[in-house]
């Protein structure tokens, strides 16, 4: 059964490239893929390539490593010679006597349940195009057909691709299970969910939206759909309409997953199956929905020059992911606030928690946002024991910088402009026509909204590593940042971090007391002052000592017991809050109300 809108006719010429995906034995986790390519030139070597990354996830993932059983033959079923020329490219030698149709068959191992990979088991099959489909360099702009053949009659197909009835010339097509993509980009950008899942539909501005859920859990589907509809309607009001004629939310309920990946007409969301019952964890799910949906505009249509054309064979470098992802992270909370799904207090709490997370990262003083954006291919998704000290997330700091940028634009324009103004301006200039913007054009749009020169802001916070001056930006809005301790008797600062794997130290803050005496990641905590201690007991044990007091910390370092005498530093605040200042002026009240949508009490 196909879950989609009305079938559209597919002209015969659309079948020049036709993929067929089968999954006859779901228990073996292997998708069987067939690609039929017509009008192959005789004697000219035919190249086929597997993408190394997928748009929206900026890491070379080497999808070709899961491809196996590659075969190729001509229209008469005669095998053709081929060879692999590099890690993700195959070269086929067509026959020399005539132009022909070439059929390639291969299988792809699918047992990684993320939004950017493939997964196949006894209950469903999910595939992300970049991780499954080969492409012919130079022929990416041709229309592609896709036929999906489920292993069981009760398995349903959910995808944003338009269904079609193939009319002649495409052997093996199954009526009602074939789809058309305008080009390879659309094929890659349209994930497919096949199997046993629940479906709810709703409309916003007369446009159909499909909410598909695979997996078991405690999600209240009716509530989630109603809240998602609110998010969609709020975004539509913000941008002045919806830029599509259909949209799909594909939700995977997994054991402990988290993530989302945006697409032009859909998004895939992965969330822990039993994490919907608590208000905070449910809000986190709605934030994920809002984040990926906001990408429908920001990134999928409004995008930088570097992403105007995708090169699937290598990294696509850009310096403004701090805006692509940071602004989207900021607006995920803005959408929830404006949709009535997040109170002003909880909205400020979310910002304060983000501030706390950033302030605990020493790398914020080492790596700028432009560097973080450019180096995402080798750093953000490849953390190691020193990442905390050497880098910063363009999601986290980017969201906070976009927030401060919003405040600065509002203040400097006297409330006439905002980040909303800039975002809507960018949409009109570049997003509607899908024309890539330059870094200069991006910053000029912000300055136009502010009616002021913002070069110092960008120098300090985007291109530089200066500490974010929250209170200076907050003061015109009648707000201030407060710090406190979560415990009445806070522990002196040592600088050790644990990731839950027993007593093994996962990282050590650069410049901390522990680092300066020679303790490092991988060491195993043993004792304090000769008494055995665990990682979970350490904070409470340290409360027995005063700042600047010297303690003996014992660790196993490379399997050798060592003792370190460490002078403790004063405790560091671990609670951040945004609070209203007393005696607000009328101008502070106005700016606060316009930004927050409410006026906080004293």
Protein backbone atom coordinates (compact mmCIF):
# COMPACT_ATOMS: atom_id res chain seq x y z
CA UNK A 1 0.00 0.00 0.00
CA UNK A 2 1.31 3.44 -0.92
CA UNK A 3 0.61 6.32 1.43
CA UNK A 4 0.69 9.36 -0.80
CA UNK A 5 -1.30 11.76 -2.91
CA UNK A 6 -2.89 10.97 -6.26
CA UNK A 7 -0.89 9.07 -8.83
CA UNK A 8 0.62 11.16 -11.59
CA UNK A 9 1.53 9.93 -15.05
CA UNK A 10 5.19 9.33 -15.81
CA UNK A 11 6.17 9.78 -19.45
CA UNK A 12 8.22 7.06 -21.04
CA UNK A 13 11.37 9.19 -21.33
CA UNK A 14 11.55 9.46 -17.53
CA UNK A 15 12.73 5.86 -17.38
CA UNK A 16 16.30 6.58 -18.56
CA UNK A 17 17.36 5.80 -15.00
CA UNK A 18 15.18 3.47 -13.01
CA UNK A 19 15.94 2.13 -9.54
CA UNK A 20 14.15 -0.87 -8.09
CA UNK A 21 14.57 -1.61 -4.38
CA UNK A 22 13.64 -5.01 -2.98
CA UNK A 23 13.97 -6.46 0.51
CA UNK A 24 12.95 -10.10 0.12
CA UNK A 25 14.64 -11.28 3.32
CA UNK A 26 14.41 -8.47 5.92
CA UNK A 27 16.14 -10.62 8.53
CA UNK A 28 19.41 -10.46 6.57
CA UNK A 29 19.39 -6.63 6.66
CA UNK A 30 20.22 -6.40 2.96
CA UNK A 31 18.50 -4.12 0.49
CA UNK A 32 18.65 -5.42 -3.07
CA UNK A 33 19.02 -2.58 -5.54
CA UNK A 34 18.69 -2.66 -9.30
CA UNK A 35 19.53 0.31 -11.51
CA UNK A 36 18.51 0.24 -15.15
CA UNK A 37 20.25 2.91 -17.25
CA UNK A 38 19.11 3.54 -20.81
CA UNK A 39 20.93 5.26 -23.67
CA UNK A 40 24.39 4.28 -22.54
CA UNK A 41 26.94 5.28 -25.14
CA UNK A 42 28.84 2.38 -26.79
CA UNK A 43 32.54 2.02 -25.98
CA UNK A 44 32.44 4.98 -23.55
CA UNK A 45 33.24 3.81 -20.01
CA UNK A 46 30.26 4.25 -17.72
CA UNK A 47 31.07 5.56 -14.24
CA UNK A 48 28.88 4.88 -11.21
CA UNK A 49 29.54 6.53 -7.87
CA UNK A 50 28.22 6.24 -4.33
CA UNK A 51 27.94 9.50 -2.33
CA UNK A 52 30.35 9.88 0.57
CA UNK A 53 28.00 12.16 2.56
CA UNK A 54 24.39 13.26 2.70
CA UNK A 55 23.19 16.87 2.71
CA UNK A 56 22.36 18.09 6.20
CA UNK A 57 24.92 15.86 7.90
CA UNK A 58 28.38 17.27 7.38
CA UNK A 59 30.67 14.28 7.71
CA UNK A 60 32.21 11.95 5.12
CA UNK A 61 30.47 8.70 6.05
CA UNK A 62 31.80 6.42 3.31
CA UNK A 63 28.47 4.87 2.40
CA UNK A 64 30.20 2.62 -0.15
CA UNK A 65 31.55 0.49 2.69
CA UNK A 66 28.15 -1.19 2.98
CA UNK A 67 27.78 -2.00 -0.72
CA UNK A 68 28.39 -5.60 -1.84
CA UNK A 69 27.62 -8.11 -4.62
CA UNK A 70 28.05 -5.62 -7.47
CA UNK A 71 26.98 -7.03 -10.87
CA UNK A 72 26.34 -5.52 -14.29
CA UNK A 73 24.85 -6.80 -17.56
CA UNK A 74 23.49 -5.53 -20.86
CA UNK A 75 19.89 -5.76 -22.10
CA UNK A 76 20.49 -9.29 -23.34
CA UNK A 77 21.62 -10.45 -19.90
CA UNK A 78 25.27 -10.70 -20.92
CA UNK A 79 27.67 -9.69 -18.12
CA UNK A 80 29.74 -6.60 -18.82
CA UNK A 81 33.32 -6.08 -17.64
CA UNK A 82 33.74 -3.65 -14.75
CA UNK A 83 36.29 -2.60 -12.20
CA UNK A 84 36.38 -0.47 -9.10
CA UNK A 85 38.58 2.58 -9.64
CA UNK A 86 38.48 4.09 -6.16
CA UNK A 87 36.68 3.70 -2.83
CA UNK A 88 33.26 4.73 -4.15
CA UNK A 89 33.47 4.59 -7.97
CA UNK A 90 32.84 1.69 -10.35
CA UNK A 91 33.67 1.73 -14.06
CA UNK A 92 31.65 -0.36 -16.51
CA UNK A 93 32.76 -1.06 -20.08
CA UNK A 94 29.69 -1.08 -22.40
CA UNK A 95 29.64 -3.15 -25.57
CA UNK A 96 31.02 -1.48 -28.65
CA UNK A 97 28.38 -2.41 -31.22
CA UNK A 98 25.40 -0.25 -30.22
CA UNK A 99 23.90 2.14 -27.67
CA UNK A 100 22.35 0.01 -25.00
CA UNK A 101 20.62 -0.41 -21.70
CA UNK A 102 22.81 -1.41 -18.79
CA UNK A 103 21.46 -3.01 -15.62
CA UNK A 104 23.44 -2.81 -12.38
CA UNK A 105 22.57 -4.89 -9.35
CA UNK A 106 24.04 -4.66 -5.87
CA UNK A 107 23.10 -5.15 -2.26
CA UNK A 108 23.52 -2.74 0.66
CA UNK A 109 23.85 -3.83 4.28
CA UNK A 110 21.37 -1.84 6.40
CA UNK A 111 21.56 -2.17 10.16
CA UNK A 112 22.32 1.32 11.42
CA UNK A 113 19.20 3.07 12.67
CA UNK A 114 19.92 6.77 12.25
CA UNK A 115 18.32 9.49 10.18
CA UNK A 116 21.25 9.49 7.73
CA UNK A 117 21.70 5.75 7.12
CA UNK A 118 19.65 2.64 6.25
CA UNK A 119 17.87 0.15 8.47
CA UNK A 120 16.10 -3.09 7.60
CA UNK A 121 14.62 -5.66 9.93
CA UNK A 122 11.48 -7.77 10.30
CA UNK A 123 9.27 -4.74 10.99
CA UNK A 124 10.38 -2.14 8.47
CA UNK A 125 12.86 -0.93 5.92
CA UNK A 126 14.14 2.64 5.91
CA UNK A 127 16.58 4.10 3.45
CA UNK A 128 18.22 7.46 3.01
CA UNK A 129 18.99 8.02 -0.68
CA UNK A 130 22.66 8.98 -0.38
CA UNK A 131 23.32 5.77 1.53
CA UNK A 132 21.64 3.54 -1.06
CA UNK A 133 21.67 4.95 -4.58
CA UNK A 134 24.56 5.10 -7.02
CA UNK A 135 24.68 8.00 -9.47
CA UNK A 136 26.11 8.52 -12.93
CA UNK A 137 28.43 11.57 -12.94
CA UNK A 138 27.14 14.01 -15.54
CA UNK A 139 23.63 12.55 -15.60
CA UNK A 140 22.45 13.68 -12.17
CA UNK A 141 19.97 16.17 -13.67
CA UNK A 142 17.92 13.47 -15.44
CA UNK A 143 14.60 12.36 -13.92
CA UNK A 144 14.89 9.15 -11.91
CA UNK A 145 12.24 6.51 -11.33
CA UNK A 146 12.07 4.48 -8.15
CA UNK A 147 10.12 1.27 -7.68
CA UNK A 148 9.86 -0.12 -4.16
CA UNK A 149 8.80 -3.74 -3.68
CA UNK A 150 7.92 -4.56 -0.05
CA UNK A 151 8.49 -8.11 1.19
CA UNK A 152 4.92 -8.45 2.52
CA UNK A 153 1.57 -7.18 1.22
CA UNK A 154 0.72 -5.41 4.49
CA UNK A 155 3.90 -3.30 4.48
CA UNK A 156 3.12 0.28 3.53
CA UNK A 157 5.33 2.80 1.73
CA UNK A 158 5.76 6.34 3.00
CA UNK A 159 7.80 8.89 1.07
CA UNK A 160 7.50 12.46 -0.16
CA UNK A 161 8.34 11.35 -3.71
CA UNK A 162 5.43 11.64 -6.10
CA UNK A 163 3.89 8.26 -7.00
CA UNK A 164 3.49 7.49 -10.66
CA UNK A 165 2.08 4.93 -13.02
CA UNK A 166 4.92 3.94 -15.33
CA UNK A 167 3.68 3.86 -18.91
CA UNK A 168 5.57 1.33 -20.94
CA UNK A 169 9.23 0.67 -21.38
CA UNK A 170 10.08 0.14 -17.72
CA UNK A 171 9.94 -3.56 -17.09
CA UNK A 172 9.41 -4.76 -13.59
CA UNK A 173 7.52 -1.68 -12.38
CA UNK A 174 4.83 -2.46 -9.85
CA UNK A 175 1.70 -0.30 -10.20
CA UNK A 176 1.18 1.93 -7.18
CA UNK A 177 4.72 1.35 -5.94
CA UNK A 178 6.65 3.49 -8.38
CA UNK A 179 7.74 7.07 -7.77
CA UNK A 180 9.34 9.84 -9.78
CA UNK A 181 12.16 12.21 -8.80
CA UNK A 182 12.93 15.25 -10.94
CA UNK A 183 16.66 14.55 -10.59
CA UNK A 184 19.19 12.75 -8.43
CA UNK A 185 19.13 15.55 -5.84
CA UNK A 186 15.43 14.98 -5.23
CA UNK A 187 15.92 11.22 -5.09
CA UNK A 188 18.61 11.63 -2.42
CA UNK A 189 16.48 14.19 -0.58
CA UNK A 190 13.46 11.88 -0.24
CA UNK A 191 13.88 9.14 2.37
CA UNK A 192 11.59 6.13 2.19
CA UNK A 193 9.95 4.29 5.08
CA UNK A 194 8.50 0.85 4.27
CA UNK A 195 6.79 -1.41 6.76
CA UNK A 196 4.40 -1.53 9.66
CA UNK A 197 3.75 1.97 10.93
CA UNK A 198 1.03 4.31 12.11
CA UNK A 199 -0.17 7.24 10.03
CA UNK A 200 -2.03 10.44 10.87
CA UNK A 201 -2.74 13.28 8.47
CA UNK A 202 -3.56 16.95 8.92
CA UNK A 203 -3.80 20.07 6.81
CA UNK A 204 -2.35 23.55 7.20
CA UNK A 205 -3.37 26.19 4.66
CA UNK A 206 -5.02 23.43 2.63
CA UNK A 207 -1.75 21.52 2.24
CA UNK A 208 -1.61 17.84 3.34
CA UNK A 209 0.88 16.76 6.00
CA UNK A 210 1.60 13.14 6.88
CA UNK A 211 2.83 12.00 10.30
CA UNK A 212 4.25 8.47 10.17
CA UNK A 213 5.47 6.64 13.28
CA UNK A 214 7.46 3.41 13.26
CA UNK A 215 8.27 1.61 16.50
CA UNK A 216 6.65 1.11 19.88
CA UNK A 217 6.77 3.57 22.75
CA UNK A 218 4.77 5.93 24.94
CA UNK A 219 4.22 8.67 22.36
CA UNK A 220 0.73 10.17 22.52
CA UNK A 221 0.22 10.26 18.76
CA UNK A 222 -2.87 12.49 18.79
CA UNK A 223 -1.15 15.06 20.99
CA UNK A 224 2.07 14.98 18.96
CA UNK A 225 0.16 15.52 15.72
CA UNK A 226 -1.85 18.41 17.20
CA UNK A 227 1.31 20.09 18.51
CA UNK A 228 3.14 19.51 15.24
CA UNK A 229 0.26 21.16 13.42
CA UNK A 230 0.69 24.20 15.67
CA UNK A 231 4.38 24.34 14.83
CA UNK A 232 3.66 24.14 11.10
CA UNK A 233 0.98 26.85 11.28
CA UNK A 234 3.30 29.13 13.28
CA UNK A 235 6.12 28.75 10.77
CA UNK A 236 3.70 29.37 7.90
CA UNK A 237 2.62 32.65 9.49
CA UNK A 238 6.23 33.68 10.03
CA UNK A 239 7.28 33.14 6.42
CA UNK A 240 4.00 34.12 4.83
CA UNK A 241 2.99 30.68 3.59
CA UNK A 242 4.28 27.17 3.02
CA UNK A 243 6.83 26.54 0.22
CA UNK A 244 5.60 23.05 -0.68
CA UNK A 245 2.48 21.16 -1.71
CA UNK A 246 2.96 18.19 0.67
CA UNK A 247 5.12 17.35 3.68
CA UNK A 248 6.04 14.20 5.59
CA UNK A 249 7.17 13.69 9.19
CA UNK A 250 8.79 10.25 9.51
CA UNK A 251 9.29 9.39 13.18
CA UNK A 252 11.36 6.44 14.38
CA UNK A 253 10.91 5.35 17.99
CA UNK A 254 14.17 3.68 18.91
CA UNK A 255 15.82 2.23 22.01
CA UNK A 256 17.93 5.28 22.82
CA UNK A 257 18.22 7.35 19.67
CA UNK A 258 18.09 11.06 19.06
CA UNK A 259 18.43 13.03 15.86
CA UNK A 260 16.79 14.60 12.87
CA UNK A 261 17.59 15.23 9.24
CA UNK A 262 15.89 17.84 7.13
CA UNK A 263 14.64 17.36 3.58
CA UNK A 264 12.75 19.62 1.20
CA UNK A 265 9.43 17.85 1.53
CA UNK A 266 10.00 15.77 4.64
CA UNK A 267 12.05 15.15 7.71
CA UNK A 268 13.12 12.03 9.56
CA UNK A 269 13.15 12.14 13.36
CA UNK A 270 14.69 9.57 15.70
CA UNK A 271 13.69 9.69 19.36
CA UNK A 272 13.96 7.43 22.39
CA UNK A 273 10.76 5.40 22.52
CA UNK A 274 9.99 5.84 26.25
CA UNK A 275 10.98 9.50 26.66
CA UNK A 276 7.65 11.19 25.97
CA UNK A 277 5.96 11.02 29.37
CA UNK A 278 7.93 13.75 31.16
CA UNK A 279 7.18 17.38 30.21
CA UNK A 280 10.83 18.28 29.64
CA UNK A 281 11.59 15.26 27.47
CA UNK A 282 8.40 15.81 25.46
CA UNK A 283 9.36 19.45 24.91
CA UNK A 284 12.73 18.23 23.71
CA UNK A 285 10.92 16.14 21.10
CA UNK A 286 8.87 19.15 20.00
CA UNK A 287 12.09 21.17 19.77
CA UNK A 288 13.46 18.51 17.44
CA UNK A 289 10.32 18.69 15.32
CA UNK A 290 10.50 22.49 15.20
CA UNK A 291 14.23 22.48 14.39
CA UNK A 292 13.98 20.14 11.45
CA UNK A 293 10.83 21.78 10.16
CA UNK A 294 12.41 25.26 10.26
CA UNK A 295 15.10 23.82 7.98
CA UNK A 296 12.36 23.58 5.33
CA UNK A 297 13.18 27.24 4.79
CA UNK A 298 16.61 27.76 6.34
CA UNK A 299 19.07 25.42 4.53
CA UNK A 300 16.76 23.44 2.23
CA UNK A 301 15.72 26.51 0.22
CA UNK A 302 17.53 29.44 1.83
CA UNK A 303 21.11 28.23 1.64
CA UNK A 304 24.68 29.47 1.20
CA UNK A 305 26.49 29.41 -2.12
CA UNK A 306 28.53 26.38 -1.03
CA UNK A 307 25.31 24.32 -0.86
CA UNK A 308 23.68 25.68 -4.00
CA UNK A 309 25.02 22.63 -5.85
CA UNK A 310 25.88 19.44 -4.01
CA UNK A 311 29.11 17.62 -4.66
CA UNK A 312 28.38 14.15 -3.29
CA UNK A 313 31.93 12.99 -3.86
CA UNK A 314 33.68 15.22 -1.35
CA UNK A 315 33.29 17.78 1.42
CA UNK A 316 31.33 20.96 0.65
CA UNK A 317 33.05 23.63 2.74
CA UNK A 318 31.25 26.64 4.19
CA UNK A 319 31.79 29.12 7.02
CA UNK A 320 28.23 29.96 8.02
CA UNK A 321 26.89 26.78 9.61
CA UNK A 322 26.70 28.95 12.75
CA UNK A 323 23.74 30.60 10.99
CA UNK A 324 22.37 27.58 9.10
CA UNK A 325 22.20 25.47 12.27
CA UNK A 326 22.57 28.12 14.98
CA UNK A 327 19.66 30.27 13.81
CA UNK A 328 17.59 27.13 13.32
CA UNK A 329 18.41 26.04 16.89
CA UNK A 330 17.37 29.48 18.16
CA UNK A 331 14.16 29.48 16.16
CA UNK A 332 13.17 26.01 17.32
CA UNK A 333 12.43 27.59 20.70
CA UNK A 334 10.97 30.72 19.11
CA UNK A 335 8.48 28.59 17.15
CA UNK A 336 7.43 26.69 20.27
CA UNK A 337 7.05 29.95 22.16
CA UNK A 338 4.92 31.56 19.44
CA UNK A 339 2.88 28.39 19.00
CA UNK A 340 1.95 28.49 22.68
CA UNK A 341 3.88 25.29 23.40
CA UNK A 342 6.58 26.96 25.52
CA UNK A 343 5.94 29.49 28.28
CA UNK A 344 8.09 32.65 28.60
CA UNK A 345 9.66 31.18 31.73
CA UNK A 346 10.54 27.90 30.04
CA UNK A 347 11.82 29.76 26.98
CA UNK A 348 14.24 31.77 29.15
CA UNK A 349 15.14 28.60 31.04
CA UNK A 350 16.11 26.93 27.75
CA UNK A 351 18.39 29.86 26.84
CA UNK A 352 19.95 29.83 30.32
CA UNK A 353 20.64 26.10 30.10
CA UNK A 354 22.37 26.65 26.75
CA UNK A 355 24.50 29.39 28.32
CA UNK A 356 25.48 27.00 31.11
CA UNK A 357 26.48 24.32 28.61
CA UNK A 358 28.61 26.75 26.62
CA UNK A 359 30.32 28.18 29.71
CA UNK A 360 31.46 24.69 30.66
CA UNK A 361 33.32 24.27 27.36
CA UNK A 362 36.93 25.57 27.47
CA UNK A 363 37.06 25.27 23.66
CA UNK A 364 34.84 28.35 23.33
CA UNK A 365 38.02 30.43 23.84
CA UNK A 366 39.95 28.46 21.21
CA UNK A 367 37.74 27.92 18.15
CA UNK A 368 35.61 30.59 16.47
CA UNK A 369 32.22 29.96 14.92
CA UNK A 370 33.57 30.40 11.39
CA UNK A 371 36.31 27.86 12.16
CA UNK A 372 33.80 25.49 13.73
CA UNK A 373 31.63 25.74 10.62
CA UNK A 374 34.48 25.16 8.19
CA UNK A 375 36.01 22.31 10.19
CA UNK A 376 32.77 20.43 10.82
CA UNK A 377 33.92 17.71 8.42
CA UNK A 378 36.81 16.72 10.67
CA UNK A 379 35.84 17.89 14.16
CA UNK A 380 32.22 18.23 15.31
CA UNK A 381 31.16 14.66 14.50
CA UNK A 382 34.51 13.15 15.47
CA UNK A 383 34.95 14.05 19.13
CA UNK A 384 37.95 12.87 21.09
CA UNK A 385 39.35 13.39 24.57
CA UNK A 386 40.56 16.93 23.82
CA UNK A 387 37.53 18.16 21.85
CA UNK A 388 36.10 19.90 24.89
CA UNK A 389 39.24 22.01 25.09
CA UNK A 390 39.79 22.75 21.41
CA UNK A 391 36.42 23.28 19.73
CA UNK A 392 32.91 24.65 20.09
CA UNK A 393 29.62 23.54 18.55
CA UNK A 394 28.15 25.83 15.91
CA UNK A 395 24.75 24.52 17.02
CA UNK A 396 25.15 25.58 20.65
CA UNK A 397 27.20 28.77 20.39
CA UNK A 398 25.57 29.57 17.06
CA UNK A 399 22.12 29.57 18.70
CA UNK A 400 23.31 31.89 21.46
CA UNK A 401 25.05 34.24 19.05
CA UNK A 402 21.92 34.40 16.88
CA UNK A 403 19.93 35.19 20.00
CA UNK A 404 22.32 38.03 20.93
CA UNK A 405 22.23 39.17 17.31
CA UNK A 406 18.45 39.32 17.54
CA UNK A 407 18.68 41.44 20.69
CA UNK A 408 21.29 43.74 19.18
CA UNK A 409 19.28 44.30 15.98
CA UNK A 410 16.15 45.06 18.02
CA UNK A 411 17.99 47.47 20.31
CA UNK A 412 20.01 49.29 17.65
CA UNK A 413 17.00 49.67 15.35
CA UNK A 414 14.81 50.97 18.15
CA UNK A 415 12.56 47.96 17.77
CA UNK A 416 12.04 48.54 14.04
CA UNK A 417 14.09 45.49 13.05
CA UNK A 418 14.89 42.04 14.43
CA UNK A 419 16.35 38.72 13.41
CA UNK A 420 12.83 38.02 12.12
CA UNK A 421 13.20 40.97 9.78
CA UNK A 422 16.56 39.71 8.52
CA UNK A 423 15.31 36.14 8.12
CA UNK A 424 12.28 37.26 6.12
CA UNK A 425 14.48 39.54 4.02
CA UNK A 426 16.85 36.65 3.29
CA UNK A 427 13.87 34.47 2.35
CA UNK A 428 12.61 37.03 -0.15
CA UNK A 429 16.09 37.66 -1.62
CA UNK A 430 17.42 34.14 -1.80
CA UNK A 431 15.11 31.45 -0.40
CA UNK A 432 12.09 31.88 -2.65
CA UNK A 433 14.24 31.71 -5.77
CA UNK A 434 16.71 29.21 -4.24
CA UNK A 435 19.69 31.39 -5.04
CA UNK A 436 22.73 30.86 -2.84
CA UNK A 437 23.89 33.74 -0.66
CA UNK A 438 27.46 34.78 0.11
CA UNK A 439 28.87 35.44 3.58
CA UNK A 440 28.97 39.14 2.74
CA UNK A 441 25.32 39.18 1.64
CA UNK A 442 24.32 37.36 4.81
CA UNK A 443 25.97 39.94 7.06
CA UNK A 444 24.71 42.86 4.99
CA UNK A 445 21.16 41.64 5.54
CA UNK A 446 21.64 41.67 9.32
CA UNK A 447 23.07 45.19 9.18
CA UNK A 448 20.18 46.36 7.03
CA UNK A 449 17.73 45.06 9.65
CA UNK A 450 19.69 46.80 12.42
CA UNK A 451 20.26 49.99 10.46
CA UNK A 452 23.78 49.91 11.87
CA UNK A 453 27.28 48.55 11.36
CA UNK A 454 27.58 45.14 13.06
CA UNK A 455 31.17 44.42 12.06
CA UNK A 456 32.40 44.59 15.67
CA UNK A 457 29.77 42.04 16.71
CA UNK A 458 30.88 39.62 13.99
CA UNK A 459 34.57 40.24 14.69
CA UNK A 460 34.17 39.37 18.36
CA UNK A 461 31.56 36.62 18.39
CA UNK A 462 31.57 34.96 14.94
CA UNK A 463 35.10 35.35 13.61
CA UNK A 464 36.67 35.67 17.06
CA UNK A 465 36.54 33.92 20.40
CA UNK A 466 35.70 36.73 22.79
CA UNK A 467 33.48 35.85 25.73
CA UNK A 468 29.83 36.52 24.98
CA UNK A 469 28.75 39.62 26.92
CA UNK A 470 25.26 38.52 27.87
CA UNK A 471 24.43 41.26 30.35
CA UNK A 472 25.34 44.10 28.02
CA UNK A 473 22.97 42.73 25.38
CA UNK A 474 20.27 41.89 27.93
CA UNK A 475 20.19 45.19 29.81
CA UNK A 476 18.15 47.11 27.20
CA UNK A 477 15.51 44.37 27.53
CA UNK A 478 15.33 44.61 31.32
CA UNK A 479 16.95 41.21 31.85
CA UNK A 480 20.11 39.99 33.50
CA UNK A 481 22.07 36.75 33.70
CA UNK A 482 22.44 35.33 37.20
CA UNK A 483 24.76 32.52 38.28
CA UNK A 484 24.44 30.23 41.29
CA UNK A 485 25.36 26.82 42.63
CA UNK A 486 23.14 23.74 42.54
CA UNK A 487 24.40 22.64 45.96
CA UNK A 488 24.52 24.80 49.12
CA UNK A 489 28.06 23.54 49.75
CA UNK A 490 29.55 23.42 46.22
CA UNK A 491 32.56 21.28 45.45
CA UNK A 492 35.91 22.95 44.78
CA UNK A 493 36.88 22.81 41.12
CA UNK A 494 39.14 19.97 39.99
CA UNK A 495 38.52 19.79 36.21
CA UNK A 496 37.74 16.09 35.73
CA UNK A 497 34.94 14.84 33.49
CA UNK A 498 33.38 11.38 33.34
CA UNK A 499 31.05 9.97 30.69
CA UNK A 500 29.48 7.26 32.78
CA UNK A 501 31.97 4.48 32.03
CA UNK A 502 32.96 3.64 35.58
CA UNK A 503 35.87 5.61 37.04
CA UNK A 504 37.67 6.24 33.77
CA UNK A 505 38.23 9.94 33.11
CA UNK A 506 36.77 10.95 29.74
CA UNK A 507 38.32 14.41 29.55
CA UNK A 508 40.19 16.98 31.61
CA UNK A 509 39.63 20.71 31.35
CA UNK A 510 42.67 22.51 29.97
CA UNK A 511 44.18 24.78 32.61
CA UNK A 512 42.39 23.03 35.46
CA UNK A 513 44.13 21.87 38.65
CA UNK A 514 43.99 18.23 37.50
CA UNK A 515 45.46 19.00 34.07
CA UNK A 516 48.29 21.10 35.47
CA UNK A 517 49.60 18.27 37.65
CA UNK A 518 49.54 15.73 34.81
CA UNK A 519 46.22 13.89 35.02
CA UNK A 520 44.63 13.25 31.61
CA UNK A 521 41.83 11.47 29.82
CA UNK A 522 41.99 7.69 30.10
CA UNK A 523 43.32 7.72 33.64
CA UNK A 524 41.25 5.78 36.15
CA UNK A 525 40.19 7.41 39.40
CA UNK A 526 41.13 5.38 42.48
CA UNK A 527 41.21 7.38 45.71
CA UNK A 528 41.16 10.76 47.44
CA UNK A 529 43.53 11.13 50.39
CA UNK A 530 44.07 7.37 50.38
CA UNK A 531 40.39 6.44 50.51
CA UNK A 532 38.67 4.66 47.63
CA UNK A 533 36.28 6.86 45.66
CA UNK A 534 34.04 6.46 42.62
CA UNK A 535 33.28 9.03 39.96
CA UNK A 536 29.76 9.52 41.33
CA UNK A 537 31.09 9.97 44.89
CA UNK A 538 33.82 12.44 43.94
CA UNK A 539 31.78 15.70 44.07
CA UNK A 540 30.49 14.93 47.56
CA UNK A 541 33.95 13.85 48.75
CA UNK A 542 35.47 17.12 47.52
CA UNK A 543 32.98 19.13 49.59
CA UNK A 544 35.01 18.16 52.63
CA UNK A 545 37.87 20.37 51.39
CA UNK A 546 38.33 24.11 50.91
CA UNK A 547 39.50 26.00 47.82
CA UNK A 548 43.31 26.19 47.57
CA UNK A 549 43.64 23.22 49.91
CA UNK A 550 46.02 20.54 48.57
CA UNK A 551 44.65 17.01 48.29
CA UNK A 552 46.20 13.73 47.18
CA UNK A 553 44.39 12.19 44.23
CA UNK A 554 45.33 8.64 43.22
CA UNK A 555 44.77 7.30 39.71
CA UNK A 556 45.84 4.44 37.49
CA UNK A 557 47.75 6.01 34.59
CA UNK A 558 48.68 3.53 31.85
CA UNK A 559 48.05 0.78 34.43
CA UNK A 560 50.52 2.34 36.89
CA UNK A 561 49.30 3.64 40.24
CA UNK A 562 50.22 7.31 40.65
CA UNK A 563 49.57 9.89 43.34
CA UNK A 564 49.11 13.58 42.55
CA UNK A 565 49.05 16.46 45.05
CA UNK A 566 46.60 19.02 43.73
CA UNK A 567 45.68 22.51 45.00
CA UNK A 568 41.91 22.89 44.51
CA UNK A 569 40.36 25.89 42.75
CA UNK A 570 37.23 27.72 43.98
CA UNK A 571 33.93 26.17 42.89
CA UNK A 572 32.45 27.28 39.59
CA UNK A 573 28.78 28.22 39.13
CA UNK A 574 26.69 25.50 37.54
CA UNK A 575 23.27 27.15 37.52
CA UNK A 576 22.41 29.97 35.12
CA UNK A 577 19.16 31.90 34.97
CA UNK A 578 17.74 34.88 33.09
CA UNK A 579 15.82 37.18 35.39
CA UNK A 580 13.97 40.48 35.15
CA UNK A 581 15.79 43.56 36.41
CA UNK A 582 14.01 45.84 38.90
CA UNK A 583 12.39 49.14 37.97
CA UNK A 584 12.21 48.73 34.20
CA UNK A 585 11.95 51.81 32.04
CA UNK A 586 9.10 52.04 29.52
CA UNK A 587 11.61 51.37 26.73
CA UNK A 588 12.90 48.22 28.46
CA UNK A 589 9.34 47.04 28.95
CA UNK A 590 8.52 47.62 25.30
CA UNK A 591 11.61 45.80 23.98
CA UNK A 592 11.11 42.89 26.38
CA UNK A 593 7.44 42.50 25.50
CA UNK A 594 8.10 42.68 21.75
CA UNK A 595 10.89 40.10 21.92
CA UNK A 596 9.49 37.70 24.52
CA UNK A 597 5.80 38.14 23.78
CA UNK A 598 5.22 38.89 27.45
CA UNK A 599 6.46 41.07 30.29
CA UNK A 600 8.09 39.21 33.16
CA UNK A 601 7.16 40.00 36.71
CA UNK A 602 9.70 41.54 39.11
